[in-house]
């Protein structure tokens, strides 16, 4: 079977990491009609500013630990944990640790379907 016929698509998250000194790093991993998956990378002290979730969002920490603000709630989430964020919730994320933070942003349905 050649690559065009392959049924599986393996995505190496480590290989897709994008860290930037001046701003958060971002990589689009999956872009399908009803699903979007992005990887966000934050150096220590960096953040994703407050915004409203534009879909039902699941955040998964790949490595590191971040402070996640959703609505009026705040929690620290580390490696291997999932955090569910309802549609239109106010949210922000900050890396307050001394280590790098990488997490997946899984949106279903795709924001354009909301």
N, C-alpha and C. Protein backbone atom coordinates (compact mmCIF):
# COMPACT_ATOMS: atom_id res chain seq x y z
N UNK A 1 0.84 -1.18 0.00
CA UNK A 1 0.00 0.00 0.00
C UNK A 1 0.89 1.24 0.00
N UNK A 2 0.65 2.17 -0.91
CA UNK A 2 1.45 3.39 -0.92
C UNK A 2 0.85 4.41 0.05
N UNK A 3 1.55 5.53 0.26
CA UNK A 3 1.13 6.54 1.22
C UNK A 3 -0.24 7.13 0.90
N UNK A 4 -0.58 7.22 -0.38
CA UNK A 4 -1.88 7.78 -0.77
C UNK A 4 -3.02 6.90 -0.28
N UNK A 5 -2.77 5.61 -0.14
CA UNK A 5 -3.80 4.67 0.28
C UNK A 5 -3.78 4.41 1.78
N UNK A 6 -2.86 4.98 2.49
CA UNK A 6 -2.74 4.70 3.92
C UNK A 6 -4.02 5.13 4.65
N UNK A 7 -4.44 4.30 5.61
CA UNK A 7 -5.64 4.59 6.39
C UNK A 7 -5.31 5.37 7.65
N UNK A 8 -4.08 5.22 8.13
CA UNK A 8 -3.69 5.89 9.36
C UNK A 8 -2.80 7.08 9.04
N UNK A 9 -2.93 8.09 9.90
CA UNK A 9 -2.09 9.28 9.79
C UNK A 9 -1.50 9.51 11.17
N UNK A 10 -0.23 9.21 11.33
CA UNK A 10 0.43 9.38 12.62
C UNK A 10 1.03 10.79 12.68
N UNK A 11 0.67 11.52 13.73
CA UNK A 11 1.18 12.88 13.93
C UNK A 11 2.12 12.87 15.11
N UNK A 12 3.37 13.23 14.89
CA UNK A 12 4.37 13.29 15.95
C UNK A 12 4.27 14.65 16.62
N UNK A 13 3.69 14.69 17.83
CA UNK A 13 3.47 15.95 18.52
C UNK A 13 4.76 16.68 18.83
N UNK A 14 5.79 15.94 19.21
CA UNK A 14 7.08 16.57 19.53
C UNK A 14 7.65 17.26 18.29
N UNK A 15 7.52 16.59 17.15
CA UNK A 15 8.03 17.14 15.89
C UNK A 15 7.25 18.39 15.48
N UNK A 16 6.00 18.50 15.87
CA UNK A 16 5.14 19.62 15.49
C UNK A 16 5.21 20.80 16.47
N UNK A 17 5.98 20.66 17.55
CA UNK A 17 6.09 21.75 18.53
C UNK A 17 6.70 22.99 17.90
N UNK A 18 6.11 24.14 18.20
CA UNK A 18 6.61 25.43 17.74
C UNK A 18 6.69 26.34 18.97
N UNK A 19 7.89 26.63 19.42
CA UNK A 19 8.10 27.56 20.53
C UNK A 19 8.72 28.82 19.97
N UNK A 20 8.20 29.97 20.40
CA UNK A 20 8.72 31.26 19.96
C UNK A 20 9.02 32.11 21.18
N UNK A 21 10.07 32.87 21.12
CA UNK A 21 10.43 33.74 22.24
C UNK A 21 9.46 34.91 22.40
N UNK A 22 8.93 35.43 21.28
CA UNK A 22 8.12 36.64 21.34
C UNK A 22 6.63 36.41 21.55
N UNK A 23 6.12 35.20 21.23
CA UNK A 23 4.69 34.94 21.33
C UNK A 23 4.46 33.44 21.40
N UNK A 24 3.23 33.06 21.64
CA UNK A 24 2.92 31.63 21.71
C UNK A 24 3.17 30.97 20.36
N UNK A 25 3.56 29.71 20.41
CA UNK A 25 3.74 28.93 19.19
C UNK A 25 2.46 28.19 18.86
N UNK A 26 2.25 27.91 17.58
CA UNK A 26 0.99 27.33 17.12
C UNK A 26 1.24 26.41 15.94
N UNK A 27 0.58 25.23 15.95
CA UNK A 27 0.61 24.34 14.80
C UNK A 27 -0.77 23.74 14.60
N UNK A 28 -1.28 23.83 13.39
CA UNK A 28 -2.56 23.19 13.05
C UNK A 28 -2.26 21.74 12.71
N UNK A 29 -2.87 20.80 13.44
CA UNK A 29 -2.59 19.38 13.25
C UNK A 29 -3.66 18.67 12.43
N UNK A 30 -4.93 19.02 12.67
CA UNK A 30 -6.05 18.39 11.96
C UNK A 30 -7.05 19.48 11.61
N UNK A 31 -7.47 19.48 10.36
CA UNK A 31 -8.46 20.45 9.88
C UNK A 31 -9.46 19.68 9.03
N UNK A 32 -10.56 19.28 9.66
CA UNK A 32 -11.60 18.51 8.97
C UNK A 32 -12.93 19.22 9.14
N UNK A 33 -13.92 18.78 8.42
CA UNK A 33 -15.21 19.45 8.43
C UNK A 33 -15.78 19.60 9.85
N UNK A 34 -15.69 18.58 10.66
CA UNK A 34 -16.30 18.63 11.99
C UNK A 34 -15.30 18.56 13.13
N UNK A 35 -14.01 18.72 12.82
CA UNK A 35 -12.98 18.59 13.85
C UNK A 35 -11.78 19.48 13.52
N UNK A 36 -11.28 20.16 14.55
CA UNK A 36 -10.05 20.93 14.41
C UNK A 36 -9.17 20.60 15.62
N UNK A 37 -7.90 20.30 15.37
CA UNK A 37 -6.95 20.05 16.45
C UNK A 37 -5.71 20.91 16.19
N UNK A 38 -5.38 21.73 17.19
CA UNK A 38 -4.19 22.57 17.13
C UNK A 38 -3.30 22.25 18.32
N UNK A 39 -2.02 22.52 18.18
CA UNK A 39 -1.10 22.41 19.30
C UNK A 39 -0.56 23.82 19.59
N UNK A 40 -0.65 24.21 20.86
CA UNK A 40 -0.16 25.51 21.30
C UNK A 40 1.01 25.27 22.23
N UNK A 41 2.06 26.05 22.08
CA UNK A 41 3.27 25.92 22.89
C UNK A 41 3.57 27.26 23.56
N UNK A 42 3.78 27.22 24.87
CA UNK A 42 4.08 28.43 25.62
C UNK A 42 5.39 28.29 26.37
N UNK A 43 6.26 29.25 26.18
CA UNK A 43 7.47 29.34 26.99
C UNK A 43 7.06 29.82 28.39
N UNK A 44 7.91 29.66 29.41
CA UNK A 44 7.58 30.19 30.73
C UNK A 44 7.21 31.68 30.65
N UNK A 45 6.12 32.05 31.30
CA UNK A 45 5.66 33.43 31.33
C UNK A 45 4.73 33.82 30.19
N UNK A 46 4.64 33.01 29.15
CA UNK A 46 3.76 33.33 28.02
C UNK A 46 2.32 32.91 28.32
N UNK A 47 1.39 33.49 27.54
CA UNK A 47 -0.01 33.17 27.77
C UNK A 47 -0.84 33.23 26.50
N UNK A 48 -2.01 32.63 26.58
CA UNK A 48 -3.05 32.80 25.58
C UNK A 48 -4.03 33.78 26.21
N UNK A 49 -4.22 34.96 25.62
CA UNK A 49 -5.08 35.97 26.24
C UNK A 49 -6.53 35.53 26.35
N UNK A 50 -7.24 36.22 27.20
CA UNK A 50 -8.66 35.91 27.40
C UNK A 50 -9.43 36.04 26.10
N UNK A 51 -10.28 35.04 25.85
CA UNK A 51 -11.14 35.01 24.67
C UNK A 51 -12.31 34.08 24.96
N UNK A 52 -13.28 34.04 24.07
CA UNK A 52 -14.42 33.14 24.22
C UNK A 52 -14.20 31.92 23.36
N UNK A 53 -14.49 30.75 23.91
CA UNK A 53 -14.37 29.50 23.16
C UNK A 53 -15.34 29.54 21.98
N UNK A 54 -14.82 29.29 20.78
CA UNK A 54 -15.65 29.37 19.58
C UNK A 54 -16.20 28.01 19.15
N UNK A 55 -16.10 27.01 20.05
CA UNK A 55 -16.65 25.68 19.83
C UNK A 55 -16.66 24.99 21.19
N UNK A 56 -17.07 23.73 21.22
CA UNK A 56 -16.84 22.91 22.40
C UNK A 56 -15.37 22.53 22.34
N UNK A 57 -14.63 22.83 23.40
CA UNK A 57 -13.18 22.68 23.37
C UNK A 57 -12.73 21.66 24.42
N UNK A 58 -11.82 20.80 24.04
CA UNK A 58 -11.12 19.93 24.98
C UNK A 58 -9.65 20.29 24.88
N UNK A 59 -9.04 20.61 26.01
CA UNK A 59 -7.62 20.93 26.08
C UNK A 59 -6.91 19.72 26.68
N UNK A 60 -5.80 19.31 26.10
CA UNK A 60 -5.02 18.19 26.62
C UNK A 60 -3.57 18.63 26.76
N UNK A 61 -3.05 18.58 27.97
CA UNK A 61 -1.66 18.97 28.19
C UNK A 61 -0.76 17.82 27.75
N UNK A 62 0.10 18.11 26.77
CA UNK A 62 1.05 17.13 26.25
C UNK A 62 2.24 17.03 27.20
N UNK A 63 2.78 18.20 27.60
CA UNK A 63 3.82 18.23 28.63
C UNK A 63 3.87 19.61 29.26
N UNK A 64 4.33 19.64 30.50
CA UNK A 64 4.38 20.87 31.26
C UNK A 64 3.15 21.04 32.12
N UNK A 65 2.97 22.25 32.63
CA UNK A 65 1.83 22.55 33.48
C UNK A 65 1.41 23.99 33.24
N UNK A 66 0.11 24.21 33.14
CA UNK A 66 -0.39 25.56 32.89
C UNK A 66 -1.51 25.92 33.84
N UNK A 67 -1.77 27.22 33.93
CA UNK A 67 -2.88 27.74 34.70
C UNK A 67 -3.99 28.09 33.72
N UNK A 68 -5.12 27.44 33.87
CA UNK A 68 -6.24 27.58 32.95
C UNK A 68 -7.39 28.30 33.65
N UNK A 69 -7.84 29.40 33.05
CA UNK A 69 -8.97 30.18 33.55
C UNK A 69 -10.14 29.92 32.62
N UNK A 70 -11.24 29.41 33.17
CA UNK A 70 -12.46 29.18 32.39
C UNK A 70 -13.61 29.77 33.20
N UNK A 71 -14.25 30.79 32.64
CA UNK A 71 -15.28 31.50 33.40
C UNK A 71 -14.66 32.08 34.66
N UNK A 72 -15.25 31.78 35.80
CA UNK A 72 -14.72 32.26 37.09
C UNK A 72 -13.83 31.24 37.77
N UNK A 73 -13.55 30.12 37.11
CA UNK A 73 -12.76 29.05 37.71
C UNK A 73 -11.31 29.10 37.22
N UNK A 74 -10.40 28.72 38.11
CA UNK A 74 -8.98 28.65 37.79
C UNK A 74 -8.45 27.31 38.28
N UNK A 75 -7.67 26.63 37.43
CA UNK A 75 -7.07 25.36 37.83
C UNK A 75 -5.72 25.20 37.15
N UNK A 76 -4.83 24.49 37.82
CA UNK A 76 -3.54 24.12 37.21
C UNK A 76 -3.70 22.73 36.64
N UNK A 77 -3.27 22.57 35.40
CA UNK A 77 -3.42 21.29 34.71
C UNK A 77 -2.06 20.87 34.19
N UNK A 78 -1.71 19.59 34.43
CA UNK A 78 -0.41 19.07 34.02
C UNK A 78 -0.51 17.98 32.97
N UNK A 79 0.64 17.43 32.65
CA UNK A 79 0.81 16.41 31.62
C UNK A 79 -0.22 15.29 31.72
N UNK A 80 -0.82 14.98 30.57
CA UNK A 80 -1.74 13.86 30.49
C UNK A 80 -3.15 14.15 30.96
N UNK A 81 -3.46 15.39 31.29
CA UNK A 81 -4.80 15.75 31.78
C UNK A 81 -5.61 16.41 30.67
N UNK A 82 -6.93 16.20 30.73
CA UNK A 82 -7.87 16.84 29.82
C UNK A 82 -8.69 17.86 30.58
N UNK A 83 -9.01 18.95 29.92
CA UNK A 83 -9.86 19.98 30.49
C UNK A 83 -10.94 20.31 29.46
N UNK A 84 -12.20 20.20 29.85
CA UNK A 84 -13.32 20.48 28.94
C UNK A 84 -13.77 21.93 29.12
N UNK A 85 -13.98 22.63 28.01
CA UNK A 85 -14.40 24.03 28.02
C UNK A 85 -15.66 24.16 27.17
N UNK A 86 -16.79 24.56 27.77
CA UNK A 86 -18.03 24.69 27.01
C UNK A 86 -17.97 25.84 26.00
N UNK A 87 -18.74 25.71 24.94
CA UNK A 87 -18.88 26.71 23.89
C UNK A 87 -19.19 28.08 24.51
N UNK A 88 -18.52 29.09 24.03
CA UNK A 88 -18.68 30.50 24.39
C UNK A 88 -18.19 30.85 25.80
N UNK A 89 -17.53 29.91 26.49
CA UNK A 89 -16.97 30.22 27.80
C UNK A 89 -15.77 31.15 27.64
N UNK A 90 -15.62 32.08 28.57
CA UNK A 90 -14.43 32.93 28.61
C UNK A 90 -13.27 32.08 29.11
N UNK A 91 -12.12 32.17 28.44
CA UNK A 91 -10.98 31.35 28.84
C UNK A 91 -9.67 32.07 28.56
N UNK A 92 -8.64 31.71 29.34
CA UNK A 92 -7.27 32.14 29.10
C UNK A 92 -6.35 31.10 29.71
N UNK A 93 -5.11 31.07 29.23
CA UNK A 93 -4.14 30.06 29.67
C UNK A 93 -2.81 30.76 29.87
N UNK A 94 -2.12 30.41 30.96
CA UNK A 94 -0.82 31.01 31.23
C UNK A 94 0.15 29.93 31.70
N UNK A 95 1.39 30.05 31.21
CA UNK A 95 2.45 29.17 31.69
C UNK A 95 3.19 29.92 32.80
N UNK A 96 2.85 29.60 34.04
CA UNK A 96 3.48 30.25 35.19
C UNK A 96 4.61 29.40 35.76
N UNK A 97 4.96 28.32 35.07
CA UNK A 97 6.03 27.44 35.54
C UNK A 97 7.37 27.85 34.93
N UNK A 98 8.42 27.14 35.29
CA UNK A 98 9.75 27.41 34.73
C UNK A 98 10.04 26.53 33.51
N UNK A 99 9.10 25.64 33.19
CA UNK A 99 9.26 24.72 32.07
C UNK A 99 8.33 25.08 30.92
N UNK A 100 8.65 24.58 29.75
CA UNK A 100 7.79 24.78 28.58
C UNK A 100 6.47 24.04 28.76
N UNK A 101 5.42 24.59 28.13
CA UNK A 101 4.08 23.99 28.15
C UNK A 101 3.63 23.77 26.72
N UNK A 102 3.17 22.56 26.43
CA UNK A 102 2.57 22.25 25.13
C UNK A 102 1.22 21.58 25.40
N UNK A 103 0.19 22.04 24.69
CA UNK A 103 -1.13 21.44 24.88
C UNK A 103 -1.89 21.42 23.56
N UNK A 104 -2.82 20.46 23.46
CA UNK A 104 -3.67 20.35 22.28
C UNK A 104 -4.97 21.09 22.54
N UNK A 105 -5.48 21.72 21.49
CA UNK A 105 -6.79 22.37 21.52
C UNK A 105 -7.65 21.59 20.52
N UNK A 106 -8.59 20.82 21.05
CA UNK A 106 -9.45 19.95 20.22
C UNK A 106 -10.84 20.59 20.18
N UNK A 107 -11.27 20.93 18.98
CA UNK A 107 -12.56 21.59 18.82
C UNK A 107 -13.49 20.72 17.99
N UNK A 108 -14.64 20.37 18.59
CA UNK A 108 -15.64 19.58 17.89
C UNK A 108 -17.02 20.07 18.32
N UNK A 109 -17.83 20.50 17.39
CA UNK A 109 -17.54 20.54 15.95
C UNK A 109 -16.55 21.65 15.60
N UNK A 110 -16.10 21.63 14.38
CA UNK A 110 -15.21 22.68 13.88
C UNK A 110 -15.89 24.02 14.11
N UNK A 111 -15.15 25.06 14.53
CA UNK A 111 -15.76 26.37 14.80
C UNK A 111 -16.65 26.90 13.68
N UNK A 112 -16.31 26.61 12.43
CA UNK A 112 -17.14 27.12 11.33
C UNK A 112 -18.52 26.46 11.30
N UNK A 113 -18.70 25.36 12.04
CA UNK A 113 -19.98 24.66 12.11
C UNK A 113 -20.85 25.16 13.26
N UNK A 114 -20.30 26.02 14.10
CA UNK A 114 -21.06 26.48 15.28
C UNK A 114 -22.02 27.59 14.92
